[in-house]
Amino acid sequence: MAKARGRNDHPNLDLARELWAAAADGNADAMRGLLAEDVVWQTVGRNPLSGVRKGPDEVLDYLAMVGESADELLSDIEEI
């Protein structure tokens, strides 16, 4: 059941939550279905994981790489 949307919730917040849930379950097919064809994922920093990924394939490859290299990944949605 979807969480009730508050006055300040962005309309894409539910979509982002679904994406994180699919990632936590390792469900790449569900993730692909939630990503727009023109998705752009930017990771800030100066390290091998930073940079810009464009399109579902690049984003999913990046997220798989992060998942494989991390012992534990905790994340919060800070801004949409």
PDB file of N, CA and C in Angstrom:
ATOM      1  N   MET A   1       0.841  -1.183   0.000  1.00  0.00           N
ATOM      2  CA  MET A   1       0.000   0.000   0.000  1.00  0.00           C
ATOM      3  C   MET A   1       0.881   1.238   0.000  1.00  0.00           C
ATOM      4  N   ALA A   2       0.588   2.156  -0.867  1.00  0.00           N
ATOM      5  CA  ALA A   2       1.394   3.366  -1.000  1.00  0.00           C
ATOM      6  C   ALA A   2       1.198   4.270   0.210  1.00  0.00           C
ATOM      7  N   LYS A   3       2.278   4.927   0.605  1.00  0.00           N
ATOM      8  CA  LYS A   3       2.237   5.885   1.700  1.00  0.00           C
ATOM      9  C   LYS A   3       1.445   7.109   1.258  1.00  0.00           C
ATOM     10  N   ALA A   4       0.644   7.657   2.161  1.00  0.00           N
ATOM     11  CA  ALA A   4      -0.111   8.863   1.842  1.00  0.00           C
ATOM     12  C   ALA A   4       0.858  10.001   1.551  1.00  0.00           C
ATOM     13  N   ARG A   5       0.573  10.753   0.534  1.00  0.00           N
ATOM     14  CA  ARG A   5       1.455  11.843   0.113  1.00  0.00           C
ATOM     15  C   ARG A   5       1.142  13.087   0.923  1.00  0.00           C
ATOM     16  N   GLY A   6       2.178  13.698   1.481  1.00  0.00           N
ATOM     17  CA  GLY A   6       2.037  14.940   2.222  1.00  0.00           C
ATOM     18  C   GLY A   6       2.044  16.130   1.293  1.00  0.00           C
ATOM     19  N   ARG A   7       1.792  17.285   1.846  1.00  0.00           N
ATOM     20  CA  ARG A   7       1.743  18.502   1.028  1.00  0.00           C
ATOM     21  C   ARG A   7       3.065  18.798   0.342  1.00  0.00           C
ATOM     22  N   ASN A   8       4.183  18.423   0.950  1.00  0.00           N
ATOM     23  CA  ASN A   8       5.485  18.782   0.406  1.00  0.00           C
ATOM     24  C   ASN A   8       6.147  17.655  -0.377  1.00  0.00           C
ATOM     25  N   ASP A   9       5.488  16.518  -0.519  1.00  0.00           N
ATOM     26  CA  ASP A   9       6.077  15.408  -1.251  1.00  0.00           C
ATOM     27  C   ASP A   9       6.026  15.656  -2.751  1.00  0.00           C
ATOM     28  N   HIS A  10       7.140  15.431  -3.398  1.00  0.00           N
ATOM     29  CA  HIS A  10       7.221  15.551  -4.849  1.00  0.00           C
ATOM     30  C   HIS A  10       6.463  14.375  -5.469  1.00  0.00           C
ATOM     31  N   PRO A  11       5.790  14.567  -6.599  1.00  0.00           N
ATOM     32  CA  PRO A  11       5.024  13.470  -7.206  1.00  0.00           C
ATOM     33  C   PRO A  11       5.888  12.263  -7.601  1.00  0.00           C
ATOM     34  N   ASN A  12       7.199  12.459  -7.771  1.00  0.00           N
ATOM     35  CA  ASN A  12       8.064  11.333  -8.126  1.00  0.00           C
ATOM     36  C   ASN A  12       8.652  10.623  -6.909  1.00  0.00           C
ATOM     37  N   LEU A  13       8.283  11.043  -5.713  1.00  0.00           N
ATOM     38  CA  LEU A  13       8.819  10.415  -4.513  1.00  0.00           C
ATOM     39  C   LEU A  13       8.411   8.946  -4.432  1.00  0.00           C
ATOM     40  N   ASP A  14       7.162   8.632  -4.746  1.00  0.00           N
ATOM     41  CA  ASP A  14       6.721   7.235  -4.735  1.00  0.00           C
ATOM     42  C   ASP A  14       7.501   6.403  -5.743  1.00  0.00           C
ATOM     43  N   LEU A  15       7.754   6.973  -6.908  1.00  0.00           N
ATOM     44  CA  LEU A  15       8.536   6.294  -7.937  1.00  0.00           C
ATOM     45  C   LEU A  15       9.948   5.999  -7.425  1.00  0.00           C
ATOM     46  N   ALA A  16      10.572   6.990  -6.783  1.00  0.00           N
ATOM     47  CA  ALA A  16      11.913   6.799  -6.238  1.00  0.00           C
ATOM     48  C   ALA A  16      11.907   5.713  -5.163  1.00  0.00           C
ATOM     49  N   ARG A  17      10.895   5.706  -4.328  1.00  0.00           N
ATOM     50  CA  ARG A  17      10.797   4.668  -3.287  1.00  0.00           C
ATOM     51  C   ARG A  17      10.644   3.277  -3.914  1.00  0.00           C
ATOM     52  N   GLU A  18       9.851   3.176  -4.963  1.00  0.00           N
ATOM     53  CA  GLU A  18       9.702   1.890  -5.668  1.00  0.00           C
ATOM     54  C   GLU A  18      11.034   1.441  -6.257  1.00  0.00           C
ATOM     55  N   LEU A  19      11.788   2.389  -6.813  1.00  0.00           N
ATOM     56  CA  LEU A  19      13.090   2.071  -7.384  1.00  0.00           C
ATOM     57  C   LEU A  19      14.036   1.546  -6.305  1.00  0.00           C
ATOM     58  N   TRP A  20      14.086   2.213  -5.146  1.00  0.00           N
ATOM     59  CA  TRP A  20      14.960   1.756  -4.060  1.00  0.00           C
ATOM     60  C   TRP A  20      14.531   0.384  -3.553  1.00  0.00           C
ATOM     61  N   ALA A  21      13.223   0.133  -3.474  1.00  0.00           N
ATOM     62  CA  ALA A  21      12.740  -1.172  -3.022  1.00  0.00           C
ATOM     63  C   ALA A  21      13.149  -2.261  -4.015  1.00  0.00           C
ATOM     64  N   ALA A  22      13.039  -1.983  -5.307  1.00  0.00           N
ATOM     65  CA  ALA A  22      13.443  -2.955  -6.326  1.00  0.00           C
ATOM     66  C   ALA A  22      14.950  -3.197  -6.246  1.00  0.00           C
ATOM     67  N   ALA A  23      15.719  -2.139  -5.998  1.00  0.00           N
ATOM     68  CA  ALA A  23      17.172  -2.290  -5.863  1.00  0.00           C
ATOM     69  C   ALA A  23      17.499  -3.152  -4.650  1.00  0.00           C
ATOM     70  N   ALA A  24      16.818  -2.921  -3.545  1.00  0.00           N
ATOM     71  CA  ALA A  24      17.063  -3.696  -2.331  1.00  0.00           C
ATOM     72  C   ALA A  24      16.740  -5.173  -2.545  1.00  0.00           C
ATOM     73  N   ASP A  25      15.751  -5.452  -3.395  1.00  0.00           N
ATOM     74  CA  ASP A  25      15.367  -6.835  -3.710  1.00  0.00           C
ATOM     75  C   ASP A  25      16.233  -7.429  -4.815  1.00  0.00           C
ATOM     76  N   GLY A  26      17.091  -6.609  -5.437  1.00  0.00           N
ATOM     77  CA  GLY A  26      17.910  -7.083  -6.548  1.00  0.00           C
ATOM     78  C   GLY A  26      17.100  -7.361  -7.799  1.00  0.00           C
ATOM     79  N   ASN A  27      15.985  -6.654  -7.970  1.00  0.00           N
ATOM     80  CA  ASN A  27      15.073  -6.888  -9.082  1.00  0.00           C
ATOM     81  C   ASN A  27      15.368  -5.903 -10.226  1.00  0.00           C
ATOM     82  N   ALA A  28      16.330  -6.266 -11.068  1.00  0.00           N
ATOM     83  CA  ALA A  28      16.743  -5.393 -12.167  1.00  0.00           C
ATOM     84  C   ALA A  28      15.616  -5.159 -13.168  1.00  0.00           C
ATOM     85  N   ASP A  29      14.764  -6.151 -13.395  1.00  0.00           N
ATOM     86  CA  ASP A  29      13.649  -5.971 -14.343  1.00  0.00           C
ATOM     87  C   ASP A  29      12.691  -4.900 -13.848  1.00  0.00           C
ATOM     88  N   ALA A  30      12.370  -4.921 -12.561  1.00  0.00           N
ATOM     89  CA  ALA A  30      11.486  -3.894 -11.999  1.00  0.00           C
ATOM     90  C   ALA A  30      12.153  -2.531 -12.066  1.00  0.00           C
ATOM     91  N   MET A  31      13.463  -2.493 -11.786  1.00  0.00           N
ATOM     92  CA  MET A  31      14.183  -1.227 -11.852  1.00  0.00           C
ATOM     93  C   MET A  31      14.152  -0.666 -13.265  1.00  0.00           C
ATOM     94  N   ARG A  32      14.408  -1.520 -14.258  1.00  0.00           N
ATOM     95  CA  ARG A  32      14.399  -1.077 -15.652  1.00  0.00           C
ATOM     96  C   ARG A  32      13.026  -0.492 -16.015  1.00  0.00           C
ATOM     97  N   GLY A  33      11.968  -1.095 -15.531  1.00  0.00           N
ATOM     98  CA  GLY A  33      10.633  -0.606 -15.823  1.00  0.00           C
ATOM     99  C   GLY A  33      10.314   0.740 -15.197  1.00  0.00           C
ATOM    100  N   LEU A  34      11.068   1.106 -14.165  1.00  0.00           N
ATOM    101  CA  LEU A  34      10.841   2.374 -13.479  1.00  0.00           C
ATOM    102  C   LEU A  34      11.717   3.513 -14.011  1.00  0.00           C
ATOM    103  N   LEU A  35      12.761   3.167 -14.752  1.00  0.00           N
ATOM    104  CA  LEU A  35      13.685   4.180 -15.265  1.00  0.00           C
ATOM    105  C   LEU A  35      13.233   4.685 -16.637  1.00  0.00           C
ATOM    106  N   ALA A  36      13.252   5.990 -16.808  1.00  0.00           N
ATOM    107  CA  ALA A  36      12.935   6.582 -18.104  1.00  0.00           C
ATOM    108  C   ALA A  36      14.067   6.284 -19.085  1.00  0.00           C
ATOM    109  N   GLU A  37      13.756   6.254 -20.354  1.00  0.00           N
ATOM    110  CA  GLU A  37      14.779   5.993 -21.373  1.00  0.00           C
ATOM    111  C   GLU A  37      15.857   7.073 -21.375  1.00  0.00           C
ATOM    112  N   ASP A  38      15.499   8.288 -20.945  1.00  0.00           N
ATOM    113  CA  ASP A  38      16.471   9.387 -20.945  1.00  0.00           C
ATOM    114  C   ASP A  38      17.001   9.692 -19.531  1.00  0.00           C
ATOM    115  N   VAL A  39      16.965   8.696 -18.651  1.00  0.00           N
ATOM    116  CA  VAL A  39      17.438   8.886 -17.278  1.00  0.00           C
ATOM    117  C   VAL A  39      18.914   9.298 -17.269  1.00  0.00           C
ATOM    118  N   VAL A  40      19.242  10.212 -16.361  1.00  0.00           N
ATOM    119  CA  VAL A  40      20.626  10.625 -16.141  1.00  0.00           C
ATOM    120  C   VAL A  40      20.895  10.488 -14.650  1.00  0.00           C
ATOM    121  N   TRP A  41      21.942   9.720 -14.298  1.00  0.00           N
ATOM    122  CA  TRP A  41      22.304   9.477 -12.907  1.00  0.00           C
ATOM    123  C   TRP A  41      23.673  10.098 -12.675  1.00  0.00           C
ATOM    124  N   GLN A  42      23.744  11.059 -11.763  1.00  0.00           N
ATOM    125  CA  GLN A  42      25.005  11.736 -11.492  1.00  0.00           C
ATOM    126  C   GLN A  42      25.459  11.419 -10.081  1.00  0.00           C
ATOM    127  N   THR A  43      26.712  11.003  -9.940  1.00  0.00           N
ATOM    128  CA  THR A  43      27.312  10.733  -8.646  1.00  0.00           C
ATOM    129  C   THR A  43      28.487  11.688  -8.489  1.00  0.00           C
ATOM    130  N   VAL A  44      28.419  12.522  -7.464  1.00  0.00           N
ATOM    131  CA  VAL A  44      29.466  13.516  -7.265  1.00  0.00           C
ATOM    132  C   VAL A  44      30.682  12.899  -6.583  1.00  0.00           C
ATOM    133  N   GLY A  45      31.810  13.557  -6.718  1.00  0.00           N
ATOM    134  CA  GLY A  45      33.031  13.128  -6.067  1.00  0.00           C
ATOM    135  C   GLY A  45      34.170  12.983  -7.050  1.00  0.00           C
ATOM    136  N   ARG A  46      35.299  12.580  -6.502  1.00  0.00           N
ATOM    137  CA  ARG A  46      36.492  12.333  -7.316  1.00  0.00           C
ATOM    138  C   ARG A  46      36.984  10.940  -6.995  1.00  0.00           C
ATOM    139  N   ASN A  47      36.300   9.969  -7.525  1.00  0.00           N
ATOM    140  CA  ASN A  47      36.648   8.573  -7.296  1.00  0.00           C
ATOM    141  C   ASN A  47      36.118   7.747  -8.453  1.00  0.00           C
ATOM    142  N   PRO A  48      36.454   6.473  -8.518  1.00  0.00           N
ATOM    143  CA  PRO A  48      36.013   5.646  -9.651  1.00  0.00           C
ATOM    144  C   PRO A  48      34.494   5.522  -9.797  1.00  0.00           C
ATOM    145  N   LEU A  49      33.758   5.783  -8.720  1.00  0.00           N
ATOM    146  CA  LEU A  49      32.301   5.657  -8.797  1.00  0.00           C
ATOM    147  C   LEU A  49      31.610   6.960  -9.186  1.00  0.00           C
ATOM    148  N   SER A  50      32.345   8.065  -9.188  1.00  0.00           N
ATOM    149  CA  SER A  50      31.717   9.335  -9.536  1.00  0.00           C
ATOM    150  C   SER A  50      31.579   9.461 -11.050  1.00  0.00           C
ATOM    151  N   GLY A  51      30.664  10.313 -11.447  1.00  0.00           N
ATOM    152  CA  GLY A  51      30.470  10.545 -12.870  1.00  0.00           C
ATOM    153  C   GLY A  51      29.004  10.576 -13.251  1.00  0.00           C
ATOM    154  N   VAL A  52      28.760  10.650 -14.542  1.00  0.00           N
ATOM    155  CA  VAL A  52      27.404  10.732 -15.091  1.00  0.00           C
ATOM    156  C   VAL A  52      27.137   9.488 -15.915  1.00  0.00           C
ATOM    157  N   ARG A  53      25.994   8.864 -15.660  1.00  0.00           N
ATOM    158  CA  ARG A  53      25.545   7.707 -16.449  1.00  0.00           C
ATOM    159  C   ARG A  53      24.247   8.085 -17.124  1.00  0.00           C
ATOM    160  N   LYS A  54      24.137   7.736 -18.408  1.00  0.00           N
ATOM    161  CA  LYS A  54      22.955   8.101 -19.181  1.00  0.00           C
ATOM    162  C   LYS A  54      22.291   6.852 -19.738  1.00  0.00           C
ATOM    163  N   GLY A  55      20.977   6.787 -19.565  1.00  0.00           N
ATOM    164  CA  GLY A  55      20.193   5.663 -20.064  1.00  0.00           C
ATOM    165  C   GLY A  55      20.112   4.525 -19.056  1.00  0.00           C
ATOM    166  N   PRO A  56      19.057   3.722 -19.144  1.00  0.00           N
ATOM    167  CA  PRO A  56      18.850   2.632 -18.190  1.00  0.00           C
ATOM    168  C   PRO A  56      20.009   1.638 -18.120  1.00  0.00           C
ATOM    169  N   ASP A  57      20.613   1.295 -19.252  1.00  0.00           N
ATOM    170  CA  ASP A  57      21.704   0.316 -19.231  1.00  0.00           C
ATOM    171  C   ASP A  57      22.883   0.809 -18.409  1.00  0.00           C
ATOM    172  N   GLU A  58      23.314   2.051 -18.645  1.00  0.00           N
ATOM    173  CA  GLU A  58      24.446   2.599 -17.889  1.00  0.00           C
ATOM    174  C   GLU A  58      24.113   2.724 -16.405  1.00  0.00           C
ATOM    175  N   VAL A  59      22.899   3.159 -16.100  1.00  0.00           N
ATOM    176  CA  VAL A  59      22.503   3.323 -14.699  1.00  0.00           C
ATOM    177  C   VAL A  59      22.449   1.967 -13.999  1.00  0.00           C
ATOM    178  N   LEU A  60      21.845   0.971 -14.628  1.00  0.00           N
ATOM    179  CA  LEU A  60      21.760  -0.349 -14.005  1.00  0.00           C
ATOM    180  C   LEU A  60      23.134  -0.991 -13.865  1.00  0.00           C
ATOM    181  N   ASP A  61      24.003  -0.815 -14.851  1.00  0.00           N
ATOM    182  CA  ASP A  61      25.375  -1.325 -14.735  1.00  0.00           C
ATOM    183  C   ASP A  61      26.091  -0.666 -13.564  1.00  0.00           C
ATOM    184  N   TYR A  62      25.914   0.634 -13.427  1.00  0.00           N
ATOM    185  CA  TYR A  62      26.540   1.369 -12.320  1.00  0.00           C
ATOM    186  C   TYR A  62      26.019   0.862 -10.976  1.00  0.00           C
ATOM    187  N   LEU A  63      24.706   0.747 -10.842  1.00  0.00           N
ATOM    188  CA  LEU A  63      24.133   0.297  -9.575  1.00  0.00           C
ATOM    189  C   LEU A  63      24.566  -1.130  -9.237  1.00  0.00           C
ATOM    190  N   ALA A  64      24.693  -1.973 -10.246  1.00  0.00           N
ATOM    191  CA  ALA A  64      25.190  -3.342 -10.011  1.00  0.00           C
ATOM    192  C   ALA A  64      26.629  -3.300  -9.514  1.00  0.00           C
ATOM    193  N   MET A  65      27.449  -2.436 -10.112  1.00  0.00           N
ATOM    194  CA  MET A  65      28.841  -2.301  -9.698  1.00  0.00           C
ATOM    195  C   MET A  65      28.922  -1.811  -8.247  1.00  0.00           C
ATOM    196  N   VAL A  66      28.108  -0.848  -7.894  1.00  0.00           N
ATOM    197  CA  VAL A  66      28.090  -0.337  -6.525  1.00  0.00           C
ATOM    198  C   VAL A  66      27.665  -1.445  -5.565  1.00  0.00           C
ATOM    199  N   GLY A  67      26.624  -2.169  -5.936  1.00  0.00           N
ATOM    200  CA  GLY A  67      26.136  -3.248  -5.083  1.00  0.00           C
ATOM    201  C   GLY A  67      27.163  -4.344  -4.875  1.00  0.00           C
ATOM    202  N   GLU A  68      27.926  -4.658  -5.910  1.00  0.00           N
ATOM    203  CA  GLU A  68      28.936  -5.706  -5.806  1.00  0.00           C
ATOM    204  C   GLU A  68      30.142  -5.264  -4.988  1.00  0.00           C
ATOM    205  N   SER A  69      30.440  -3.973  -4.981  1.00  0.00           N
ATOM    206  CA  SER A  69      31.640  -3.500  -4.298  1.00  0.00           C
ATOM    207  C   SER A  69      31.388  -3.079  -2.850  1.00  0.00           C
ATOM    208  N   ALA A  70      30.139  -2.972  -2.457  1.00  0.00           N
ATOM    209  CA  ALA A  70      29.824  -2.499  -1.107  1.00  0.00           C
ATOM    210  C   ALA A  70      29.471  -3.658  -0.187  1.00  0.00           C
ATOM    211  N   ASP A  71      30.001  -3.607   1.029  1.00  0.00           N
ATOM    212  CA  ASP A  71      29.596  -4.582   2.040  1.00  0.00           C
ATOM    213  C   ASP A  71      28.178  -4.272   2.522  1.00  0.00           C
ATOM    214  N   GLU A  72      27.882  -3.000   2.639  1.00  0.00           N
ATOM    215  CA  GLU A  72      26.570  -2.558   3.085  1.00  0.00           C
ATOM    216  C   GLU A  72      26.297  -1.216   2.434  1.00  0.00           C
ATOM    217  N   LEU A  73      25.093  -1.021   1.981  1.00  0.00           N
ATOM    218  CA  LEU A  73      24.734   0.238   1.339  1.00  0.00           C
ATOM    219  C   LEU A  73      23.484   0.786   2.015  1.00  0.00           C
ATOM    220  N   LEU A  74      23.648   1.925   2.645  1.00  0.00           N
ATOM    221  CA  LEU A  74      22.527   2.610   3.268  1.00  0.00           C
ATOM    222  C   LEU A  74      22.281   3.884   2.483  1.00  0.00           C
ATOM    223  N   SER A  75      21.041   4.163   2.182  1.00  0.00           N
ATOM    224  CA  SER A  75      20.753   5.357   1.400  1.00  0.00           C
ATOM    225  C   SER A  75      19.461   5.990   1.859  1.00  0.00           C
ATOM    226  N   ASP A  76      19.389   7.266   1.637  1.00  0.00           N
ATOM    227  CA  ASP A  76      18.189   8.057   1.918  1.00  0.00           C
ATOM    228  C   ASP A  76      17.932   8.935   0.712  1.00  0.00           C
ATOM    229  N   ILE A  77      16.678   9.191   0.461  1.00  0.00           N
ATOM    230  CA  ILE A  77      16.322  10.133  -0.587  1.00  0.00           C
ATOM    231  C   ILE A  77      16.373  11.518   0.058  1.00  0.00           C
ATOM    232  N   GLU A  78      17.274  12.349  -0.433  1.00  0.00           N
ATOM    233  CA  GLU A  78      17.436  13.683   0.151  1.00  0.00           C
ATOM    234  C   GLU A  78      16.710  14.750  -0.628  1.00  0.00           C
ATOM    235  N   GLU A  79      16.664  14.602  -1.960  1.00  0.00           N
ATOM    236  CA  GLU A  79      16.059  15.656  -2.759  1.00  0.00           C
ATOM    237  C   GLU A  79      15.549  15.085  -4.065  1.00  0.00           C
ATOM    238  N   ILE A  80      14.364  15.488  -4.453  1.00  0.00           N
ATOM    239  CA  ILE A  80      13.798  15.120  -5.749  1.00  0.00           C
ATOM    240  C   ILE A  80      13.280  16.385  -6.382  1.00  0.00           C
TER     241      ILE A  80
END
